[in-house]
């Protein structure tokens, strides 16, 4: 879900991040789908959220697309395969 709220000249957007726990490092890894470069890690979920916010702000600063052209989160699908 993305929500836009106009506050003066600032637009507040909410993005969805995909989060997983890396068993090799024990770190939480977060990715914001559709935003190139918007991925990071953290030792705790709180640290990951802070890091994702910082990296997302940097990525959006560098992105020249109008805000209406930023991809919108649709959902997740669980896929079952035999391995």
PDB file of N, CA and C in Angstrom:
ATOM      1  N   UNK A   1       0.849  -1.171   0.000  1.00  0.00           N
ATOM      2  CA  UNK A   1       0.000   0.000   0.000  1.00  0.00           C
ATOM      3  C   UNK A   1       0.892   1.229   0.000  1.00  0.00           C
ATOM      4  N   UNK A   2       0.554   2.186  -0.833  1.00  0.00           N
ATOM      5  CA  UNK A   2       1.239   3.467  -0.820  1.00  0.00           C
ATOM      6  C   UNK A   2       0.214   4.541  -0.500  1.00  0.00           C
ATOM      7  N   UNK A   3       0.569   5.411   0.398  1.00  0.00           N
ATOM      8  CA  UNK A   3      -0.311   6.496   0.798  1.00  0.00           C
ATOM      9  C   UNK A   3       0.422   7.799   0.555  1.00  0.00           C
ATOM     10  N   UNK A   4      -0.242   8.730  -0.105  1.00  0.00           N
ATOM     11  CA  UNK A   4       0.354  10.042  -0.307  1.00  0.00           C
ATOM     12  C   UNK A   4      -0.442  11.062   0.485  1.00  0.00           C
ATOM     13  N   UNK A   5       0.274  11.898   1.229  1.00  0.00           N
ATOM     14  CA  UNK A   5      -0.354  12.969   1.989  1.00  0.00           C
ATOM     15  C   UNK A   5       0.421  14.238   1.695  1.00  0.00           C
ATOM     16  N   UNK A   6      -0.260  15.233   1.224  1.00  0.00           N
ATOM     17  CA  UNK A   6       0.408  16.507   0.952  1.00  0.00           C
ATOM     18  C   UNK A   6       0.488  17.310   2.241  1.00  0.00           C
ATOM     19  N   UNK A   7       1.677  17.720   2.597  1.00  0.00           N
ATOM     20  CA  UNK A   7       1.897  18.569   3.772  1.00  0.00           C
ATOM     21  C   UNK A   7       2.697  19.767   3.291  1.00  0.00           C
ATOM     22  N   UNK A   8       2.017  20.807   2.849  1.00  0.00           N
ATOM     23  CA  UNK A   8       2.698  21.944   2.246  1.00  0.00           C
ATOM     24  C   UNK A   8       3.263  21.507   0.911  1.00  0.00           C
ATOM     25  N   UNK A   9       4.576  21.585   0.756  1.00  0.00           N
ATOM     26  CA  UNK A   9       5.199  21.158  -0.492  1.00  0.00           C
ATOM     27  C   UNK A   9       5.843  19.776  -0.365  1.00  0.00           C
ATOM     28  N   UNK A  10       5.675  19.133   0.785  1.00  0.00           N
ATOM     29  CA  UNK A  10       6.269  17.817   1.014  1.00  0.00           C
ATOM     30  C   UNK A  10       5.215  16.742   0.792  1.00  0.00           C
ATOM     31  N   UNK A  11       5.585  15.689   0.083  1.00  0.00           N
ATOM     32  CA  UNK A  11       4.699  14.548  -0.106  1.00  0.00           C
ATOM     33  C   UNK A  11       5.241  13.400   0.730  1.00  0.00           C
ATOM     34  N   UNK A  12       4.394  12.848   1.592  1.00  0.00           N
ATOM     35  CA  UNK A  12       4.761  11.709   2.421  1.00  0.00           C
ATOM     36  C   UNK A  12       4.244  10.458   1.735  1.00  0.00           C
ATOM     37  N   UNK A  13       5.125   9.497   1.486  1.00  0.00           N
ATOM     38  CA  UNK A  13       4.726   8.244   0.851  1.00  0.00           C
ATOM     39  C   UNK A  13       5.096   7.093   1.767  1.00  0.00           C
ATOM     40  N   UNK A  14       4.278   6.075   1.754  1.00  0.00           N
ATOM     41  CA  UNK A  14       4.538   4.868   2.521  1.00  0.00           C
ATOM     42  C   UNK A  14       4.869   3.750   1.543  1.00  0.00           C
ATOM     43  N   UNK A  15       5.985   3.057   1.784  1.00  0.00           N
ATOM     44  CA  UNK A  15       6.426   1.971   0.927  1.00  0.00           C
ATOM     45  C   UNK A  15       6.435   0.672   1.715  1.00  0.00           C
ATOM     46  N   UNK A  16       6.306  -0.430   1.009  1.00  0.00           N
ATOM     47  CA  UNK A  16       6.357  -1.755   1.606  1.00  0.00           C
ATOM     48  C   UNK A  16       7.740  -2.337   1.361  1.00  0.00           C
ATOM     49  N   UNK A  17       8.345  -2.884   2.399  1.00  0.00           N
ATOM     50  CA  UNK A  17       9.646  -3.537   2.269  1.00  0.00           C
ATOM     51  C   UNK A  17       9.481  -5.038   2.499  1.00  0.00           C
ATOM     52  N   UNK A  18      10.213  -5.808   1.730  1.00  0.00           N
ATOM     53  CA  UNK A  18      10.283  -7.252   1.912  1.00  0.00           C
ATOM     54  C   UNK A  18      11.438  -7.504   2.877  1.00  0.00           C
ATOM     55  N   UNK A  19      11.182  -8.231   3.962  1.00  0.00           N
ATOM     56  CA  UNK A  19      12.195  -8.448   4.993  1.00  0.00           C
ATOM     57  C   UNK A  19      12.399  -9.947   5.192  1.00  0.00           C
ATOM     58  N   UNK A  20      13.664 -10.337   5.261  1.00  0.00           N
ATOM     59  CA  UNK A  20      13.990 -11.730   5.580  1.00  0.00           C
ATOM     60  C   UNK A  20      15.171 -11.757   6.536  1.00  0.00           C
ATOM     61  N   UNK A  21      15.344 -12.874   7.221  1.00  0.00           N
ATOM     62  CA  UNK A  21      16.464 -13.066   8.133  1.00  0.00           C
ATOM     63  C   UNK A  21      17.502 -13.921   7.419  1.00  0.00           C
ATOM     64  N   UNK A  22      18.710 -13.396   7.292  1.00  0.00           N
ATOM     65  CA  UNK A  22      19.795 -14.126   6.639  1.00  0.00           C
ATOM     66  C   UNK A  22      20.379 -15.110   7.653  1.00  0.00           C
ATOM     67  N   UNK A  23      20.216 -16.421   7.418  1.00  0.00           N
ATOM     68  CA  UNK A  23      20.705 -17.390   8.398  1.00  0.00           C
ATOM     69  C   UNK A  23      22.232 -17.420   8.505  1.00  0.00           C
ATOM     70  N   UNK A  24      22.919 -16.999   7.471  1.00  0.00           N
ATOM     71  CA  UNK A  24      24.376 -17.001   7.489  1.00  0.00           C
ATOM     72  C   UNK A  24      24.963 -15.902   8.352  1.00  0.00           C
ATOM     73  N   UNK A  25      24.329 -14.743   8.352  1.00  0.00           N
ATOM     74  CA  UNK A  25      24.859 -13.597   9.103  1.00  0.00           C
ATOM     75  C   UNK A  25      24.031 -13.279  10.346  1.00  0.00           C
ATOM     76  N   UNK A  26      22.787 -13.768  10.382  1.00  0.00           N
ATOM     77  CA  UNK A  26      21.895 -13.435  11.488  1.00  0.00           C
ATOM     78  C   UNK A  26      21.332 -12.033  11.381  1.00  0.00           C
ATOM     79  N   UNK A  27      21.541 -11.373  10.229  1.00  0.00           N
ATOM     80  CA  UNK A  27      21.049 -10.010  10.017  1.00  0.00           C
ATOM     81  C   UNK A  27      19.708 -10.016   9.296  1.00  0.00           C
ATOM     82  N   UNK A  28      18.915  -9.007   9.581  1.00  0.00           N
ATOM     83  CA  UNK A  28      17.685  -8.787   8.829  1.00  0.00           C
ATOM     84  C   UNK A  28      18.042  -8.034   7.554  1.00  0.00           C
ATOM     85  N   UNK A  29      17.486  -8.476   6.443  1.00  0.00           N
ATOM     86  CA  UNK A  29      17.740  -7.863   5.148  1.00  0.00           C
ATOM     87  C   UNK A  29      16.416  -7.340   4.613  1.00  0.00           C
ATOM     88  N   UNK A  30      16.406  -6.085   4.169  1.00  0.00           N
ATOM     89  CA  UNK A  30      15.186  -5.471   3.653  1.00  0.00           C
ATOM     90  C   UNK A  30      15.377  -4.959   2.240  1.00  0.00           C
ATOM     91  N   UNK A  31      14.336  -5.133   1.421  1.00  0.00           N
ATOM     92  CA  UNK A  31      14.334  -4.691   0.032  1.00  0.00           C
ATOM     93  C   UNK A  31      13.011  -3.983  -0.234  1.00  0.00           C
ATOM     94  N   UNK A  32      13.078  -2.822  -0.884  1.00  0.00           N
ATOM     95  CA  UNK A  32      11.857  -2.135  -1.316  1.00  0.00           C
ATOM     96  C   UNK A  32      11.719  -2.427  -2.813  1.00  0.00           C
ATOM     97  N   UNK A  33      10.787  -3.313  -3.180  1.00  0.00           N
ATOM     98  CA  UNK A  33      10.636  -3.689  -4.589  1.00  0.00           C
ATOM     99  C   UNK A  33      10.322  -2.485  -5.478  1.00  0.00           C
ATOM    100  N   UNK A  34      10.926  -2.484  -6.653  1.00  0.00           N
ATOM    101  CA  UNK A  34      10.642  -1.442  -7.633  1.00  0.00           C
ATOM    102  C   UNK A  34      11.488  -0.195  -7.505  1.00  0.00           C
ATOM    103  N   UNK A  35      12.269  -0.081  -6.443  1.00  0.00           N
ATOM    104  CA  UNK A  35      13.127   1.086  -6.249  1.00  0.00           C
ATOM    105  C   UNK A  35      14.576   0.621  -6.351  1.00  0.00           C
ATOM    106  N   UNK A  36      15.248   0.904  -7.470  1.00  0.00           N
ATOM    107  CA  UNK A  36      16.628   0.452  -7.638  1.00  0.00           C
ATOM    108  C   UNK A  36      17.535   0.933  -6.505  1.00  0.00           C
ATOM    109  N   UNK A  37      18.287   0.007  -5.929  1.00  0.00           N
ATOM    110  CA  UNK A  37      19.229   0.336  -4.865  1.00  0.00           C
ATOM    111  C   UNK A  37      18.639   0.387  -3.470  1.00  0.00           C
ATOM    112  N   UNK A  38      17.333   0.222  -3.339  1.00  0.00           N
ATOM    113  CA  UNK A  38      16.683   0.344  -2.032  1.00  0.00           C
ATOM    114  C   UNK A  38      16.711  -1.002  -1.304  1.00  0.00           C
ATOM    115  N   UNK A  39      17.880  -1.318  -0.755  1.00  0.00           N
ATOM    116  CA  UNK A  39      18.047  -2.526   0.045  1.00  0.00           C
ATOM    117  C   UNK A  39      19.139  -2.266   1.083  1.00  0.00           C
ATOM    118  N   UNK A  40      18.998  -2.896   2.230  1.00  0.00           N
ATOM    119  CA  UNK A  40      19.967  -2.722   3.309  1.00  0.00           C
ATOM    120  C   UNK A  40      19.792  -3.834   4.324  1.00  0.00           C
ATOM    121  N   UNK A  41      20.509  -3.754   5.412  1.00  0.00           N
ATOM    122  CA  UNK A  41      20.417  -4.765   6.455  1.00  0.00           C
ATOM    123  C   UNK A  41      20.524  -4.113   7.825  1.00  0.00           C
ATOM    124  N   UNK A  42      20.188  -4.882   8.858  1.00  0.00           N
ATOM    125  CA  UNK A  42      20.306  -4.388  10.223  1.00  0.00           C
ATOM    126  C   UNK A  42      20.315  -5.541  11.202  1.00  0.00           C
ATOM    127  N   UNK A  43      20.912  -5.315  12.366  1.00  0.00           N
ATOM    128  CA  UNK A  43      20.992  -6.349  13.393  1.00  0.00           C
ATOM    129  C   UNK A  43      19.644  -6.578  14.073  1.00  0.00           C
ATOM    130  N   UNK A  44      18.799  -5.541  14.096  1.00  0.00           N
ATOM    131  CA  UNK A  44      17.453  -5.643  14.669  1.00  0.00           C
ATOM    132  C   UNK A  44      16.456  -5.105  13.656  1.00  0.00           C
ATOM    133  N   UNK A  45      15.187  -5.399  13.880  1.00  0.00           N
ATOM    134  CA  UNK A  45      14.155  -4.866  12.976  1.00  0.00           C
ATOM    135  C   UNK A  45      14.086  -3.342  13.053  1.00  0.00           C
ATOM    136  N   UNK A  46      14.299  -2.785  14.244  1.00  0.00           N
ATOM    137  CA  UNK A  46      14.300  -1.324  14.379  1.00  0.00           C
ATOM    138  C   UNK A  46      15.453  -0.702  13.587  1.00  0.00           C
ATOM    139  N   UNK A  47      16.652  -1.304  13.694  1.00  0.00           N
ATOM    140  CA  UNK A  47      17.794  -0.804  12.947  1.00  0.00           C
ATOM    141  C   UNK A  47      17.545  -0.936  11.443  1.00  0.00           C
ATOM    142  N   UNK A  48      16.968  -2.060  11.036  1.00  0.00           N
ATOM    143  CA  UNK A  48      16.657  -2.252   9.621  1.00  0.00           C
ATOM    144  C   UNK A  48      15.696  -1.176   9.133  1.00  0.00           C
ATOM    145  N   UNK A  49      14.665  -0.867   9.904  1.00  0.00           N
ATOM    146  CA  UNK A  49      13.703   0.155   9.486  1.00  0.00           C
ATOM    147  C   UNK A  49      14.377   1.513   9.330  1.00  0.00           C
ATOM    148  N   UNK A  50      15.235   1.878  10.269  1.00  0.00           N
ATOM    149  CA  UNK A  50      15.953   3.149  10.166  1.00  0.00           C
ATOM    150  C   UNK A  50      16.847   3.170   8.928  1.00  0.00           C
ATOM    151  N   UNK A  51      17.554   2.064   8.686  1.00  0.00           N
ATOM    152  CA  UNK A  51      18.439   1.982   7.525  1.00  0.00           C
ATOM    153  C   UNK A  51      17.648   2.028   6.218  1.00  0.00           C
ATOM    154  N   UNK A  52      16.491   1.335   6.178  1.00  0.00           N
ATOM    155  CA  UNK A  52      15.660   1.361   4.976  1.00  0.00           C
ATOM    156  C   UNK A  52      15.144   2.766   4.692  1.00  0.00           C
ATOM    157  N   UNK A  53      14.767   3.483   5.733  1.00  0.00           N
ATOM    158  CA  UNK A  53      14.279   4.851   5.538  1.00  0.00           C
ATOM    159  C   UNK A  53      15.369   5.725   4.934  1.00  0.00           C
ATOM    160  N   UNK A  54      16.588   5.619   5.477  1.00  0.00           N
ATOM    161  CA  UNK A  54      17.698   6.426   4.955  1.00  0.00           C
ATOM    162  C   UNK A  54      18.005   6.090   3.502  1.00  0.00           C
ATOM    163  N   UNK A  55      18.123   4.786   3.203  1.00  0.00           N
ATOM    164  CA  UNK A  55      18.482   4.392   1.842  1.00  0.00           C
ATOM    165  C   UNK A  55      17.354   4.720   0.860  1.00  0.00           C
ATOM    166  N   UNK A  56      16.112   4.593   1.287  1.00  0.00           N
ATOM    167  CA  UNK A  56      14.983   4.920   0.419  1.00  0.00           C
ATOM    168  C   UNK A  56      14.957   6.412   0.106  1.00  0.00           C
ATOM    169  N   UNK A  57      15.211   7.243   1.100  1.00  0.00           N
ATOM    170  CA  UNK A  57      15.267   8.689   0.863  1.00  0.00           C
ATOM    171  C   UNK A  57      16.364   9.030  -0.139  1.00  0.00           C
ATOM    172  N   UNK A  58      17.544   8.391  -0.002  1.00  0.00           N
ATOM    173  CA  UNK A  58      18.645   8.630  -0.938  1.00  0.00           C
ATOM    174  C   UNK A  58      18.289   8.165  -2.353  1.00  0.00           C
ATOM    175  N   UNK A  59      17.696   6.988  -2.455  1.00  0.00           N
ATOM    176  CA  UNK A  59      17.321   6.456  -3.768  1.00  0.00           C
ATOM    177  C   UNK A  59      16.287   7.348  -4.456  1.00  0.00           C
ATOM    178  N   UNK A  60      15.319   7.830  -3.697  1.00  0.00           N
ATOM    179  CA  UNK A  60      14.271   8.677  -4.287  1.00  0.00           C
ATOM    180  C   UNK A  60      14.820  10.046  -4.674  1.00  0.00           C
ATOM    181  N   UNK A  61      15.827  10.543  -3.938  1.00  0.00           N
ATOM    182  CA  UNK A  61      16.470  11.807  -4.319  1.00  0.00           C
ATOM    183  C   UNK A  61      17.136  11.683  -5.683  1.00  0.00           C
ATOM    184  N   UNK A  62      17.758  10.539  -5.934  1.00  0.00           N
ATOM    185  CA  UNK A  62      18.479  10.313  -7.186  1.00  0.00           C
ATOM    186  C   UNK A  62      17.561   9.940  -8.344  1.00  0.00           C
ATOM    187  N   UNK A  63      16.364   9.465  -8.030  1.00  0.00           N
ATOM    188  CA  UNK A  63      15.415   9.016  -9.051  1.00  0.00           C
ATOM    189  C   UNK A  63      14.724  10.228  -9.661  1.00  0.00           C
ATOM    190  N   UNK A  64      14.746  10.344 -10.967  1.00  0.00           N
ATOM    191  CA  UNK A  64      14.163  11.509 -11.637  1.00  0.00           C
ATOM    192  C   UNK A  64      12.716  11.302 -12.071  1.00  0.00           C
ATOM    193  N   UNK A  65      12.135  10.147 -11.726  1.00  0.00           N
ATOM    194  CA  UNK A  65      10.743   9.892 -12.108  1.00  0.00           C
ATOM    195  C   UNK A  65       9.784  10.749 -11.295  1.00  0.00           C
ATOM    196  N   UNK A  66       8.694  11.212 -11.916  1.00  0.00           N
ATOM    197  CA  UNK A  66       7.637  11.869 -11.125  1.00  0.00           C
ATOM    198  C   UNK A  66       7.070  10.865 -10.118  1.00  0.00           C
ATOM    199  N   UNK A  67       6.598  11.342  -8.981  1.00  0.00           N
ATOM    200  CA  UNK A  67       6.139  10.436  -7.918  1.00  0.00           C
ATOM    201  C   UNK A  67       5.025   9.505  -8.374  1.00  0.00           C
ATOM    202  N   UNK A  68       4.213   9.932  -9.328  1.00  0.00           N
ATOM    203  CA  UNK A  68       3.137   9.048  -9.792  1.00  0.00           C
ATOM    204  C   UNK A  68       3.662   7.882 -10.637  1.00  0.00           C
ATOM    205  N   UNK A  69       4.934   7.937 -11.063  1.00  0.00           N
ATOM    206  CA  UNK A  69       5.519   6.855 -11.857  1.00  0.00           C
ATOM    207  C   UNK A  69       6.360   5.888 -11.018  1.00  0.00           C
ATOM    208  N   UNK A  70       6.429   6.104  -9.709  1.00  0.00           N
ATOM    209  CA  UNK A  70       7.130   5.167  -8.835  1.00  0.00           C
ATOM    210  C   UNK A  70       6.240   3.936  -8.688  1.00  0.00           C
ATOM    211  N   UNK A  71       6.812   2.717  -8.832  1.00  0.00           N
ATOM    212  CA  UNK A  71       5.987   1.504  -8.756  1.00  0.00           C
ATOM    213  C   UNK A  71       5.181   1.430  -7.465  1.00  0.00           C
ATOM    214  N   UNK A  72       3.993   0.863  -7.592  1.00  0.00           N
ATOM    215  CA  UNK A  72       3.102   0.690  -6.442  1.00  0.00           C
ATOM    216  C   UNK A  72       3.072  -0.766  -6.023  1.00  0.00           C
ATOM    217  N   UNK A  73       3.119  -1.000  -4.725  1.00  0.00           N
ATOM    218  CA  UNK A  73       3.061  -2.353  -4.191  1.00  0.00           C
ATOM    219  C   UNK A  73       1.697  -2.956  -4.491  1.00  0.00           C
ATOM    220  N   UNK A  74       1.693  -4.177  -5.009  1.00  0.00           N
ATOM    221  CA  UNK A  74       0.441  -4.860  -5.329  1.00  0.00           C
ATOM    222  C   UNK A  74       0.185  -5.991  -4.343  1.00  0.00           C
ATOM    223  N   UNK A  75       1.199  -6.781  -4.045  1.00  0.00           N
ATOM    224  CA  UNK A  75       1.007  -7.875  -3.108  1.00  0.00           C
ATOM    225  C   UNK A  75       2.127  -8.885  -3.201  1.00  0.00           C
ATOM    226  N   UNK A  76       2.001  -9.934  -2.418  1.00  0.00           N
ATOM    227  CA  UNK A  76       2.961 -11.026  -2.413  1.00  0.00           C
ATOM    228  C   UNK A  76       2.257 -12.302  -2.839  1.00  0.00           C
ATOM    229  N   UNK A  77       2.999 -13.190  -3.456  1.00  0.00           N
ATOM    230  CA  UNK A  77       2.452 -14.492  -3.819  1.00  0.00           C
ATOM    231  C   UNK A  77       3.363 -15.564  -3.253  1.00  0.00           C
ATOM    232  N   UNK A  78       2.779 -16.584  -2.698  1.00  0.00           N
ATOM    233  CA  UNK A  78       3.552 -17.716  -2.205  1.00  0.00           C
ATOM    234  C   UNK A  78       3.530 -18.779  -3.289  1.00  0.00           C
ATOM    235  N   UNK A  79       4.701 -19.237  -3.695  1.00  0.00           N
ATOM    236  CA  UNK A  79       4.830 -20.204  -4.768  1.00  0.00           C
ATOM    237  C   UNK A  79       5.407 -21.484  -4.176  1.00  0.00           C
ATOM    238  N   UNK A  80       4.759 -22.618  -4.430  1.00  0.00           N
ATOM    239  CA  UNK A  80       5.221 -23.906  -3.930  1.00  0.00           C
ATOM    240  C   UNK A  80       5.892 -24.678  -5.065  1.00  0.00           C
ATOM    241  N   UNK A  81       7.127 -25.155  -4.820  1.00  0.00           N
ATOM    242  CA  UNK A  81       7.852 -25.945  -5.809  1.00  0.00           C
ATOM    243  C   UNK A  81       8.475 -27.157  -5.123  1.00  0.00           C
ATOM    244  N   UNK A  82       8.652 -28.208  -5.878  1.00  0.00           N
ATOM    245  CA  UNK A  82       9.310 -29.408  -5.351  1.00  0.00           C
ATOM    246  C   UNK A  82      10.820 -29.246  -5.549  1.00  0.00           C
ATOM    247  N   UNK A  83      11.590 -29.522  -4.497  1.00  0.00           N
ATOM    248  CA  UNK A  83      13.045 -29.434  -4.627  1.00  0.00           C
ATOM    249  C   UNK A  83      13.694 -30.720  -4.123  1.00  0.00           C
TER     250      UNK A  83
END
